[in-house]
């Protein structure tokens, strides 16, 4: 079987990361997300904490998701270039799931890629933040707004002609309708139909 990649972009609190991990388990493929930070640090000759801090500008453990590439434009662009190469190298070597970091755009010319966007209504995402991430409601509301804005800006910075998170995707799934298991099951079925002999 030829290699394939599933890219998963997601709204904050939509459980996209959990869905990606569950899908990887079902397909028995690797799932990459935060480990890209470790490889970026290795390739740039920087401590993981330096790269992580550049990605996590702000305070609080949840802000790491808000500003994926930091606020210093030169460093942000350098990190993006390195991460772009990491994602492309991963896609050449094996099948797998890549979460975030404009992977759908980076791999747009890959012959076997499925681009997925996971979303959910704000109130459902708020509930997920409170019940699954242990955030208080006020903090969760602020984080949803901040992370959505930061991810939107990140995509505008690195994807020419970017319109909105729903455009250019092969599939968009409302995780509040199907849940983690159901969403992963739907994706597994599509991946197997599309990429498996």
N, C-alpha and C. Protein backbone atom coordinates (compact mmCIF):
# COMPACT_ATOMS: atom_id res chain seq x y z
N UNK A 1 0.83 -1.20 0.00
CA UNK A 1 0.00 0.00 0.00
C UNK A 1 0.87 1.25 0.00
N UNK A 2 0.52 2.21 -0.84
CA UNK A 2 1.25 3.47 -0.89
C UNK A 2 0.99 4.29 0.37
N UNK A 3 1.96 5.12 0.71
CA UNK A 3 1.84 5.95 1.91
C UNK A 3 0.73 6.99 1.73
N UNK A 4 0.10 7.35 2.84
CA UNK A 4 -0.92 8.39 2.82
C UNK A 4 -0.77 9.23 4.09
N UNK A 5 -1.35 10.42 4.05
CA UNK A 5 -1.33 11.33 5.20
C UNK A 5 -2.73 11.88 5.42
N UNK A 6 -3.13 11.95 6.68
CA UNK A 6 -4.35 12.65 7.07
C UNK A 6 -3.91 13.87 7.85
N UNK A 7 -4.30 15.05 7.39
CA UNK A 7 -4.01 16.27 8.14
C UNK A 7 -5.26 16.66 8.89
N UNK A 8 -5.08 17.04 10.15
CA UNK A 8 -6.22 17.43 10.98
C UNK A 8 -5.98 18.82 11.55
N UNK A 9 -6.83 19.74 11.13
CA UNK A 9 -6.87 21.08 11.71
C UNK A 9 -8.10 21.11 12.60
N UNK A 10 -8.08 21.98 13.60
CA UNK A 10 -9.20 21.94 14.54
C UNK A 10 -9.39 23.27 15.25
N UNK A 11 -10.63 23.49 15.70
CA UNK A 11 -10.92 24.62 16.56
C UNK A 11 -10.52 24.24 17.98
N UNK A 12 -10.12 25.23 18.75
CA UNK A 12 -9.77 25.00 20.14
C UNK A 12 -10.98 24.46 20.89
N UNK A 13 -10.79 23.36 21.60
CA UNK A 13 -11.87 22.77 22.38
C UNK A 13 -12.77 21.83 21.61
N UNK A 14 -12.46 21.58 20.33
CA UNK A 14 -13.30 20.68 19.52
C UNK A 14 -12.91 19.22 19.67
N UNK A 15 -11.85 18.95 20.43
CA UNK A 15 -11.33 17.61 20.68
C UNK A 15 -10.62 17.02 19.47
N UNK A 16 -10.17 17.88 18.57
CA UNK A 16 -9.48 17.43 17.37
C UNK A 16 -8.23 16.62 17.65
N UNK A 17 -7.49 17.00 18.68
CA UNK A 17 -6.27 16.27 19.04
C UNK A 17 -6.61 14.86 19.51
N UNK A 18 -7.65 14.72 20.31
CA UNK A 18 -8.08 13.39 20.77
C UNK A 18 -8.59 12.54 19.61
N UNK A 19 -9.29 13.15 18.69
CA UNK A 19 -9.78 12.44 17.51
C UNK A 19 -8.60 11.96 16.67
N UNK A 20 -7.60 12.81 16.49
CA UNK A 20 -6.41 12.43 15.73
C UNK A 20 -5.70 11.25 16.37
N UNK A 21 -5.56 11.29 17.69
CA UNK A 21 -4.88 10.19 18.39
C UNK A 21 -5.67 8.90 18.27
N UNK A 22 -6.98 8.98 18.39
CA UNK A 22 -7.83 7.79 18.26
C UNK A 22 -7.77 7.23 16.84
N UNK A 23 -7.79 8.10 15.86
CA UNK A 23 -7.70 7.66 14.46
C UNK A 23 -6.37 6.97 14.20
N UNK A 24 -5.29 7.53 14.70
CA UNK A 24 -3.97 6.92 14.52
C UNK A 24 -3.93 5.53 15.13
N UNK A 25 -4.54 5.38 16.29
CA UNK A 25 -4.59 4.07 16.95
C UNK A 25 -5.39 3.07 16.11
N UNK A 26 -6.52 3.50 15.59
CA UNK A 26 -7.36 2.61 14.79
C UNK A 26 -6.66 2.18 13.50
N UNK A 27 -5.89 3.09 12.90
CA UNK A 27 -5.21 2.80 11.64
C UNK A 27 -3.82 2.21 11.85
N UNK A 28 -3.36 2.21 13.11
CA UNK A 28 -2.02 1.73 13.44
C UNK A 28 -0.95 2.49 12.67
N UNK A 29 -1.06 3.82 12.70
CA UNK A 29 -0.07 4.71 12.08
C UNK A 29 0.39 5.71 13.12
N UNK A 30 1.47 6.41 12.81
CA UNK A 30 2.00 7.40 13.75
C UNK A 30 1.17 8.68 13.69
N UNK A 31 1.11 9.32 14.83
CA UNK A 31 0.39 10.59 14.99
C UNK A 31 1.40 11.61 15.45
N UNK A 32 1.55 12.71 14.71
CA UNK A 32 2.53 13.73 15.10
C UNK A 32 1.84 15.06 15.37
N UNK A 33 2.28 15.65 16.47
CA UNK A 33 1.75 16.94 16.87
C UNK A 33 2.84 17.67 17.63
N UNK A 34 2.87 17.52 18.95
CA UNK A 34 3.87 18.22 19.75
C UNK A 34 5.28 17.67 19.54
N UNK A 35 5.42 16.43 19.03
CA UNK A 35 6.76 15.91 18.79
C UNK A 35 7.46 16.68 17.67
N UNK A 36 6.70 17.43 16.89
CA UNK A 36 7.31 18.28 15.86
C UNK A 36 8.18 19.34 16.53
N UNK A 37 7.79 19.76 17.73
CA UNK A 37 8.58 20.75 18.48
C UNK A 37 9.96 20.18 18.81
N UNK A 38 9.99 18.93 19.27
CA UNK A 38 11.27 18.30 19.62
C UNK A 38 12.18 18.19 18.41
N UNK A 39 11.62 17.80 17.27
CA UNK A 39 12.43 17.67 16.06
C UNK A 39 12.87 19.04 15.56
N UNK A 40 12.01 20.04 15.70
CA UNK A 40 12.39 21.41 15.32
C UNK A 40 13.58 21.88 16.15
N UNK A 41 13.52 21.63 17.44
CA UNK A 41 14.61 22.01 18.33
C UNK A 41 15.90 21.33 17.92
N UNK A 42 15.82 20.04 17.60
CA UNK A 42 17.01 19.28 17.20
C UNK A 42 17.60 19.86 15.92
N UNK A 43 16.76 20.13 14.94
CA UNK A 43 17.25 20.64 13.65
C UNK A 43 17.78 22.06 13.74
N UNK A 44 17.23 22.84 14.67
CA UNK A 44 17.68 24.23 14.81
C UNK A 44 18.81 24.36 15.83
N UNK A 45 19.15 23.25 16.49
CA UNK A 45 20.21 23.30 17.49
C UNK A 45 19.83 24.15 18.69
N UNK A 46 18.56 24.11 19.04
CA UNK A 46 18.04 24.90 20.17
C UNK A 46 17.45 23.95 21.20
N UNK A 47 17.42 24.37 22.46
CA UNK A 47 16.72 23.56 23.46
C UNK A 47 15.22 23.50 23.13
N UNK A 48 14.60 22.39 23.48
CA UNK A 48 13.17 22.24 23.26
C UNK A 48 12.43 23.39 23.92
N UNK A 49 12.88 23.80 25.09
CA UNK A 49 12.20 24.88 25.82
C UNK A 49 12.19 26.18 25.01
N UNK A 50 13.27 26.43 24.26
CA UNK A 50 13.35 27.66 23.45
C UNK A 50 12.31 27.64 22.33
N UNK A 51 12.23 26.51 21.63
CA UNK A 51 11.25 26.39 20.55
C UNK A 51 9.85 26.40 21.13
N UNK A 52 9.66 25.66 22.21
CA UNK A 52 8.36 25.59 22.85
C UNK A 52 7.92 26.97 23.32
N UNK A 53 8.85 27.72 23.93
CA UNK A 53 8.51 29.07 24.39
C UNK A 53 8.16 29.98 23.23
N UNK A 54 8.83 29.81 22.09
CA UNK A 54 8.53 30.63 20.92
C UNK A 54 7.16 30.30 20.37
N UNK A 55 6.74 29.05 20.57
CA UNK A 55 5.40 28.65 20.13
C UNK A 55 4.34 29.06 21.14
N UNK A 56 4.75 29.22 22.40
CA UNK A 56 3.78 29.35 23.49
C UNK A 56 3.73 30.74 24.10
N UNK A 57 3.97 31.76 23.30
CA UNK A 57 4.01 33.11 23.84
C UNK A 57 2.77 33.39 24.68
N UNK A 58 2.98 33.92 25.85
CA UNK A 58 1.89 34.24 26.74
C UNK A 58 2.06 33.49 28.05
N UNK A 59 1.09 33.62 28.91
CA UNK A 59 1.17 32.95 30.20
C UNK A 59 0.07 31.91 30.31
N UNK A 60 0.29 30.93 31.15
CA UNK A 60 -0.71 29.90 31.36
C UNK A 60 -0.49 28.72 30.43
N UNK A 61 -0.79 27.53 30.93
CA UNK A 61 -0.53 26.31 30.18
C UNK A 61 -1.34 26.20 28.90
N UNK A 62 -2.46 26.90 28.79
CA UNK A 62 -3.29 26.75 27.61
C UNK A 62 -2.89 27.70 26.49
N UNK A 63 -2.06 28.71 26.79
CA UNK A 63 -1.66 29.65 25.74
C UNK A 63 -0.71 29.02 24.74
N UNK A 64 -0.13 27.86 25.06
CA UNK A 64 0.74 27.18 24.09
C UNK A 64 -0.02 26.88 22.81
N UNK A 65 -1.34 26.72 22.91
CA UNK A 65 -2.13 26.44 21.72
C UNK A 65 -2.56 27.73 21.03
N UNK A 66 -2.44 28.85 21.71
CA UNK A 66 -2.96 30.09 21.16
C UNK A 66 -2.06 30.70 20.11
N UNK A 67 -0.77 30.64 20.34
CA UNK A 67 0.15 31.30 19.43
C UNK A 67 1.17 30.27 18.92
N UNK A 68 0.79 29.49 17.91
CA UNK A 68 1.59 28.35 17.51
C UNK A 68 3.04 28.66 17.16
N UNK A 69 3.34 29.86 16.71
CA UNK A 69 4.73 30.12 16.33
C UNK A 69 5.31 31.37 16.96
N UNK A 70 4.80 31.76 18.09
CA UNK A 70 5.43 32.87 18.80
C UNK A 70 5.11 34.23 18.20
N UNK A 71 5.72 35.26 18.78
CA UNK A 71 5.41 36.61 18.31
C UNK A 71 6.57 37.27 17.58
N UNK A 72 7.79 36.74 17.66
CA UNK A 72 8.91 37.31 16.94
C UNK A 72 8.87 36.82 15.50
N UNK A 73 8.63 37.72 14.57
CA UNK A 73 8.36 37.32 13.19
C UNK A 73 9.52 36.54 12.58
N UNK A 74 10.75 36.99 12.76
CA UNK A 74 11.90 36.28 12.18
C UNK A 74 12.00 34.86 12.70
N UNK A 75 11.91 34.71 14.00
CA UNK A 75 11.98 33.39 14.61
C UNK A 75 10.78 32.54 14.20
N UNK A 76 9.62 33.16 14.18
CA UNK A 76 8.40 32.46 13.77
C UNK A 76 8.54 31.90 12.36
N UNK A 77 9.04 32.73 11.44
CA UNK A 77 9.22 32.28 10.06
C UNK A 77 10.25 31.16 9.95
N UNK A 78 11.33 31.27 10.72
CA UNK A 78 12.36 30.23 10.71
C UNK A 78 11.79 28.91 11.23
N UNK A 79 11.04 28.98 12.31
CA UNK A 79 10.43 27.77 12.87
C UNK A 79 9.45 27.18 11.87
N UNK A 80 8.66 28.02 11.22
CA UNK A 80 7.71 27.51 10.23
C UNK A 80 8.44 26.76 9.11
N UNK A 81 9.53 27.32 8.62
CA UNK A 81 10.28 26.66 7.54
C UNK A 81 10.82 25.30 7.97
N UNK A 82 11.35 25.24 9.18
CA UNK A 82 11.87 23.97 9.69
C UNK A 82 10.73 22.97 9.86
N UNK A 83 9.62 23.41 10.43
CA UNK A 83 8.50 22.51 10.64
C UNK A 83 7.89 22.06 9.32
N UNK A 84 7.91 22.92 8.32
CA UNK A 84 7.43 22.54 7.00
C UNK A 84 8.26 21.37 6.46
N UNK A 85 9.57 21.44 6.63
CA UNK A 85 10.45 20.36 6.17
C UNK A 85 10.22 19.08 6.97
N UNK A 86 9.99 19.22 8.27
CA UNK A 86 9.72 18.05 9.12
C UNK A 86 8.45 17.35 8.64
N UNK A 87 7.41 18.11 8.37
CA UNK A 87 6.14 17.54 7.92
C UNK A 87 6.32 16.85 6.57
N UNK A 88 7.04 17.49 5.66
CA UNK A 88 7.27 16.88 4.34
C UNK A 88 8.11 15.61 4.47
N UNK A 89 9.12 15.64 5.32
CA UNK A 89 9.95 14.44 5.53
C UNK A 89 9.11 13.30 6.09
N UNK A 90 8.27 13.61 7.06
CA UNK A 90 7.39 12.60 7.65
C UNK A 90 6.50 11.97 6.58
N UNK A 91 5.92 12.82 5.72
CA UNK A 91 5.00 12.34 4.68
C UNK A 91 5.71 11.47 3.64
N UNK A 92 7.00 11.71 3.43
CA UNK A 92 7.76 10.88 2.48
C UNK A 92 8.06 9.51 3.06
N UNK A 93 8.23 9.45 4.37
CA UNK A 93 8.71 8.23 5.01
C UNK A 93 7.62 7.24 5.39
N UNK A 94 6.42 7.73 5.70
CA UNK A 94 5.41 6.81 6.23
C UNK A 94 4.01 7.40 6.14
N UNK A 95 3.04 6.54 6.36
CA UNK A 95 1.66 7.00 6.49
C UNK A 95 1.47 7.52 7.91
N UNK A 96 0.55 8.44 8.09
CA UNK A 96 0.31 8.94 9.44
C UNK A 96 -0.66 10.10 9.49
N UNK A 97 -0.81 10.62 10.70
CA UNK A 97 -1.71 11.73 10.99
C UNK A 97 -0.86 12.92 11.42
N UNK A 98 -1.09 14.08 10.82
CA UNK A 98 -0.38 15.30 11.21
C UNK A 98 -1.41 16.32 11.69
N UNK A 99 -1.20 16.84 12.89
CA UNK A 99 -2.14 17.79 13.49
C UNK A 99 -1.60 19.21 13.37
N UNK A 100 -2.42 20.10 12.82
CA UNK A 100 -2.12 21.52 12.80
C UNK A 100 -0.95 21.92 11.93
N UNK A 101 -0.42 23.11 12.20
CA UNK A 101 0.77 23.67 11.57
C UNK A 101 0.66 23.80 10.05
N UNK A 102 -0.55 24.08 9.56
CA UNK A 102 -0.80 24.26 8.13
C UNK A 102 -0.39 23.05 7.30
N UNK A 103 -0.43 21.87 7.89
CA UNK A 103 0.01 20.65 7.18
C UNK A 103 -0.81 20.42 5.92
N UNK A 104 -2.09 20.76 5.94
CA UNK A 104 -2.90 20.58 4.73
C UNK A 104 -2.36 21.40 3.58
N UNK A 105 -1.93 22.62 3.86
CA UNK A 105 -1.35 23.47 2.82
C UNK A 105 0.05 22.98 2.43
N UNK A 106 0.85 22.65 3.42
CA UNK A 106 2.22 22.19 3.16
C UNK A 106 2.22 20.94 2.29
N UNK A 107 1.24 20.07 2.50
CA UNK A 107 1.18 18.80 1.76
C UNK A 107 0.16 18.83 0.62
N UNK A 108 -0.19 20.02 0.18
CA UNK A 108 -1.24 20.14 -0.85
C UNK A 108 -0.90 19.39 -2.14
N UNK A 109 0.38 19.20 -2.44
CA UNK A 109 0.77 18.49 -3.66
C UNK A 109 1.04 17.01 -3.43
N UNK A 110 0.88 16.56 -2.20
CA UNK A 110 1.07 15.14 -1.89
C UNK A 110 -0.02 14.36 -2.62
N UNK A 111 0.33 13.27 -3.28
CA UNK A 111 -0.67 12.54 -4.08
C UNK A 111 -1.74 11.82 -3.26
N UNK A 112 -1.47 11.56 -1.97
CA UNK A 112 -2.42 10.79 -1.16
C UNK A 112 -2.57 11.45 0.21
N UNK A 113 -3.38 12.51 0.22
CA UNK A 113 -3.61 13.24 1.47
C UNK A 113 -5.11 13.48 1.64
N UNK A 114 -5.57 13.39 2.87
CA UNK A 114 -6.94 13.72 3.22
C UNK A 114 -6.87 14.87 4.23
N UNK A 115 -7.48 15.99 3.89
CA UNK A 115 -7.45 17.19 4.73
C UNK A 115 -8.76 17.31 5.49
N UNK A 116 -8.66 17.32 6.83
CA UNK A 116 -9.84 17.31 7.69
C UNK A 116 -9.83 18.52 8.62
N UNK A 117 -11.01 19.08 8.83
CA UNK A 117 -11.17 20.16 9.81
C UNK A 117 -12.20 19.72 10.83
N UNK A 118 -11.82 19.77 12.12
CA UNK A 118 -12.71 19.40 13.22
C UNK A 118 -13.20 20.69 13.87
N UNK A 119 -14.52 20.81 14.00
CA UNK A 119 -15.10 22.01 14.61
C UNK A 119 -16.24 21.60 15.53
N UNK A 120 -16.76 22.56 16.25
CA UNK A 120 -17.93 22.34 17.11
C UNK A 120 -18.49 23.70 17.50
N UNK A 121 -19.77 23.75 17.85
CA UNK A 121 -20.34 25.02 18.33
C UNK A 121 -19.59 25.51 19.57
N UNK A 122 -19.58 26.82 19.76
CA UNK A 122 -18.82 27.42 20.86
C UNK A 122 -19.23 26.84 22.21
N UNK A 123 -20.51 26.66 22.45
CA UNK A 123 -20.95 26.15 23.75
C UNK A 123 -20.46 24.73 24.00
N UNK A 124 -20.38 23.92 22.96
CA UNK A 124 -19.85 22.56 23.10
C UNK A 124 -18.35 22.61 23.39
N UNK A 125 -17.65 23.51 22.71
CA UNK A 125 -16.21 23.65 22.95
C UNK A 125 -15.96 24.16 24.37
N UNK A 126 -16.80 25.08 24.81
CA UNK A 126 -16.69 25.58 26.18
C UNK A 126 -16.86 24.44 27.18
N UNK A 127 -17.84 23.59 26.96
CA UNK A 127 -18.06 22.45 27.83
C UNK A 127 -16.85 21.51 27.84
N UNK A 128 -16.28 21.26 26.67
CA UNK A 128 -15.09 20.41 26.58
C UNK A 128 -13.92 21.00 27.36
N UNK A 129 -13.75 22.32 27.25
CA UNK A 129 -12.64 22.98 27.96
C UNK A 129 -12.80 22.86 29.47
N UNK A 130 -14.03 23.00 29.94
CA UNK A 130 -14.29 22.95 31.37
C UNK A 130 -14.20 21.51 31.88
N UNK A 131 -14.85 20.57 31.19
CA UNK A 131 -14.92 19.19 31.69
C UNK A 131 -13.68 18.37 31.39
N UNK A 132 -13.05 18.60 30.24
CA UNK A 132 -11.89 17.77 29.86
C UNK A 132 -10.55 18.42 30.16
N UNK A 133 -10.48 19.74 30.06
CA UNK A 133 -9.21 20.43 30.28
C UNK A 133 -9.11 21.06 31.67
N UNK A 134 -10.22 21.03 32.41
CA UNK A 134 -10.20 21.55 33.77
C UNK A 134 -10.10 23.06 33.87
N UNK A 135 -10.53 23.77 32.83
CA UNK A 135 -10.47 25.22 32.85
C UNK A 135 -11.73 25.78 33.50
N UNK A 136 -11.60 26.97 34.10
CA UNK A 136 -12.83 27.60 34.57
C UNK A 136 -13.51 28.26 33.37
N UNK A 137 -14.79 28.50 33.50
CA UNK A 137 -15.58 28.94 32.36
C UNK A 137 -15.10 30.26 31.77
N UNK A 138 -14.75 31.20 32.62
CA UNK A 138 -14.29 32.50 32.13
C UNK A 138 -13.00 32.35 31.33
N UNK A 139 -12.05 31.59 31.87
CA UNK A 139 -10.79 31.36 31.17
C UNK A 139 -11.04 30.63 29.85
N UNK A 140 -11.95 29.65 29.87
CA UNK A 140 -12.25 28.87 28.67
C UNK A 140 -12.83 29.76 27.57
N UNK A 141 -13.74 30.65 27.92
CA UNK A 141 -14.33 31.56 26.93
C UNK A 141 -13.25 32.44 26.30
N UNK A 142 -12.36 32.95 27.16
CA UNK A 142 -11.29 33.81 26.66
C UNK A 142 -10.35 33.03 25.75
N UNK A 143 -10.00 31.81 26.16
CA UNK A 143 -9.08 31.00 25.38
C UNK A 143 -9.67 30.61 24.03
N UNK A 144 -10.94 30.27 23.99
CA UNK A 144 -11.57 29.93 22.72
C UNK A 144 -11.47 31.09 21.75
N UNK A 145 -11.79 32.29 22.23
CA UNK A 145 -11.70 33.47 21.37
C UNK A 145 -10.26 33.75 20.95
N UNK A 146 -9.32 33.69 21.92
CA UNK A 146 -7.93 34.00 21.62
C UNK A 146 -7.30 32.99 20.66
N UNK A 147 -7.55 31.72 20.92
CA UNK A 147 -6.94 30.68 20.08
C UNK A 147 -7.54 30.70 18.68
N UNK A 148 -8.84 30.86 18.57
CA UNK A 148 -9.45 30.96 17.25
C UNK A 148 -8.83 32.10 16.45
N UNK A 149 -8.68 33.25 17.10
CA UNK A 149 -8.08 34.42 16.43
C UNK A 149 -6.64 34.15 16.04
N UNK A 150 -5.86 33.56 16.95
CA UNK A 150 -4.45 33.29 16.67
C UNK A 150 -4.28 32.29 15.54
N UNK A 151 -5.09 31.24 15.54
CA UNK A 151 -4.99 30.23 14.47
C UNK A 151 -5.40 30.82 13.13
N UNK A 152 -6.41 31.66 13.14
CA UNK A 152 -6.84 32.32 11.91
C UNK A 152 -5.71 33.19 11.36
N UNK A 153 -5.06 33.95 12.23
CA UNK A 153 -3.96 34.81 11.79
C UNK A 153 -2.78 33.99 11.30
N UNK A 154 -2.48 32.91 11.98
CA UNK A 154 -1.40 32.02 11.59
C UNK A 154 -1.61 31.50 10.17
N UNK A 155 -2.84 31.05 9.88
CA UNK A 155 -3.14 30.56 8.54
C UNK A 155 -3.06 31.68 7.50
N UNK A 156 -3.52 32.86 7.85
CA UNK A 156 -3.42 33.99 6.92
C UNK A 156 -1.97 34.32 6.62
N UNK A 157 -1.10 34.17 7.63
CA UNK A 157 0.32 34.48 7.44
C UNK A 157 1.00 33.52 6.48
N UNK A 158 0.60 32.24 6.49
CA UNK A 158 1.36 31.23 5.77
C UNK A 158 0.63 30.56 4.61
N UNK A 159 -0.65 30.86 4.42
CA UNK A 159 -1.38 30.27 3.30
C UNK A 159 -1.89 31.38 2.39
N UNK A 160 -1.27 31.52 1.21
CA UNK A 160 -1.73 32.57 0.28
C UNK A 160 -3.20 32.35 -0.10
N UNK A 161 -3.96 33.42 -0.05
CA UNK A 161 -5.37 33.35 -0.43
C UNK A 161 -6.26 32.64 0.57
N UNK A 162 -5.77 32.47 1.79
CA UNK A 162 -6.57 31.80 2.82
C UNK A 162 -7.87 32.55 3.05
N UNK A 163 -9.00 31.81 3.14
CA UNK A 163 -10.30 32.42 3.33
C UNK A 163 -10.87 32.19 4.71
N UNK A 164 -11.06 30.92 5.06
CA UNK A 164 -11.62 30.58 6.37
C UNK A 164 -11.27 29.12 6.66
N UNK A 165 -11.45 28.66 7.90
CA UNK A 165 -11.01 27.31 8.25
C UNK A 165 -11.76 26.19 7.53
N UNK A 166 -12.91 26.49 6.95
CA UNK A 166 -13.68 25.46 6.26
C UNK A 166 -13.31 25.31 4.79
N UNK A 167 -12.68 26.34 4.23
CA UNK A 167 -12.39 26.30 2.79
C UNK A 167 -11.17 25.43 2.50
N UNK A 168 -11.23 24.75 1.39
CA UNK A 168 -10.10 23.95 0.94
C UNK A 168 -9.92 22.63 1.67
N UNK A 169 -10.87 22.21 2.46
CA UNK A 169 -10.78 20.94 3.19
C UNK A 169 -11.51 19.85 2.41
N UNK A 170 -11.03 18.63 2.55
CA UNK A 170 -11.74 17.51 1.95
C UNK A 170 -12.97 17.15 2.78
N UNK A 171 -12.88 17.40 4.08
CA UNK A 171 -13.94 16.98 4.98
C UNK A 171 -13.93 17.86 6.23
N UNK A 172 -15.13 18.27 6.66
CA UNK A 172 -15.29 19.00 7.92
C UNK A 172 -16.24 18.19 8.80
N UNK A 173 -15.86 18.00 10.06
CA UNK A 173 -16.67 17.18 10.98
C UNK A 173 -16.99 17.98 12.24
N UNK A 174 -18.28 17.99 12.59
CA UNK A 174 -18.72 18.60 13.84
C UNK A 174 -18.57 17.54 14.94
N UNK A 175 -17.55 17.69 15.76
CA UNK A 175 -17.27 16.68 16.79
C UNK A 175 -18.36 16.61 17.85
N UNK A 176 -19.17 17.66 17.98
CA UNK A 176 -20.24 17.62 18.98
C UNK A 176 -21.35 16.67 18.53
N UNK A 177 -21.44 16.42 17.25
CA UNK A 177 -22.45 15.51 16.72
C UNK A 177 -22.01 14.05 16.87
N UNK A 178 -20.72 13.79 16.61
CA UNK A 178 -20.25 12.41 16.55
C UNK A 178 -19.36 11.99 17.71
N UNK A 179 -18.85 12.94 18.48
CA UNK A 179 -17.95 12.60 19.58
C UNK A 179 -16.59 12.15 19.08
N UNK A 180 -15.70 11.84 20.01
CA UNK A 180 -14.34 11.43 19.65
C UNK A 180 -14.37 10.09 18.92
N UNK A 181 -15.00 9.10 19.52
CA UNK A 181 -15.04 7.76 18.92
C UNK A 181 -15.77 7.76 17.58
N UNK A 182 -16.91 8.42 17.53
CA UNK A 182 -17.68 8.45 16.29
C UNK A 182 -16.96 9.17 15.17
N UNK A 183 -16.33 10.29 15.50
CA UNK A 183 -15.57 11.04 14.48
C UNK A 183 -14.41 10.22 13.96
N UNK A 184 -13.70 9.57 14.88
CA UNK A 184 -12.58 8.72 14.47
C UNK A 184 -13.05 7.55 13.62
N UNK A 185 -14.21 7.00 13.96
CA UNK A 185 -14.75 5.88 13.19
C UNK A 185 -15.10 6.32 11.77
N UNK A 186 -15.72 7.48 11.63
CA UNK A 186 -16.05 8.01 10.30
C UNK A 186 -14.78 8.20 9.48
N UNK A 187 -13.79 8.83 10.10
CA UNK A 187 -12.53 9.08 9.40
C UNK A 187 -11.82 7.79 9.03
N UNK A 188 -11.84 6.83 9.94
CA UNK A 188 -11.21 5.54 9.64
C UNK A 188 -11.85 4.91 8.40
N UNK A 189 -13.16 4.92 8.35
CA UNK A 189 -13.87 4.34 7.21
C UNK A 189 -13.47 5.04 5.91
N UNK A 190 -13.44 6.37 5.93
CA UNK A 190 -13.09 7.13 4.73
C UNK A 190 -11.64 6.84 4.31
N UNK A 191 -10.73 6.84 5.27
CA UNK A 191 -9.32 6.57 4.96
C UNK A 191 -9.15 5.18 4.37
N UNK A 192 -9.80 4.20 4.96
CA UNK A 192 -9.67 2.83 4.44
C UNK A 192 -10.28 2.71 3.04
N UNK A 193 -11.39 3.35 2.81
CA UNK A 193 -12.01 3.33 1.47
C UNK A 193 -11.14 4.04 0.43
N UNK A 194 -10.52 5.11 0.86
CA UNK A 194 -9.78 5.96 -0.08
C UNK A 194 -8.36 5.46 -0.34
N UNK A 195 -7.69 4.96 0.70
CA UNK A 195 -6.26 4.69 0.56
C UNK A 195 -5.85 3.22 0.65
N UNK A 196 -6.72 2.36 1.17
CA UNK A 196 -6.34 0.96 1.34
C UNK A 196 -6.81 0.16 0.13
N UNK A 197 -6.02 -0.79 -0.28
CA UNK A 197 -6.36 -1.60 -1.46
C UNK A 197 -7.47 -2.58 -1.15
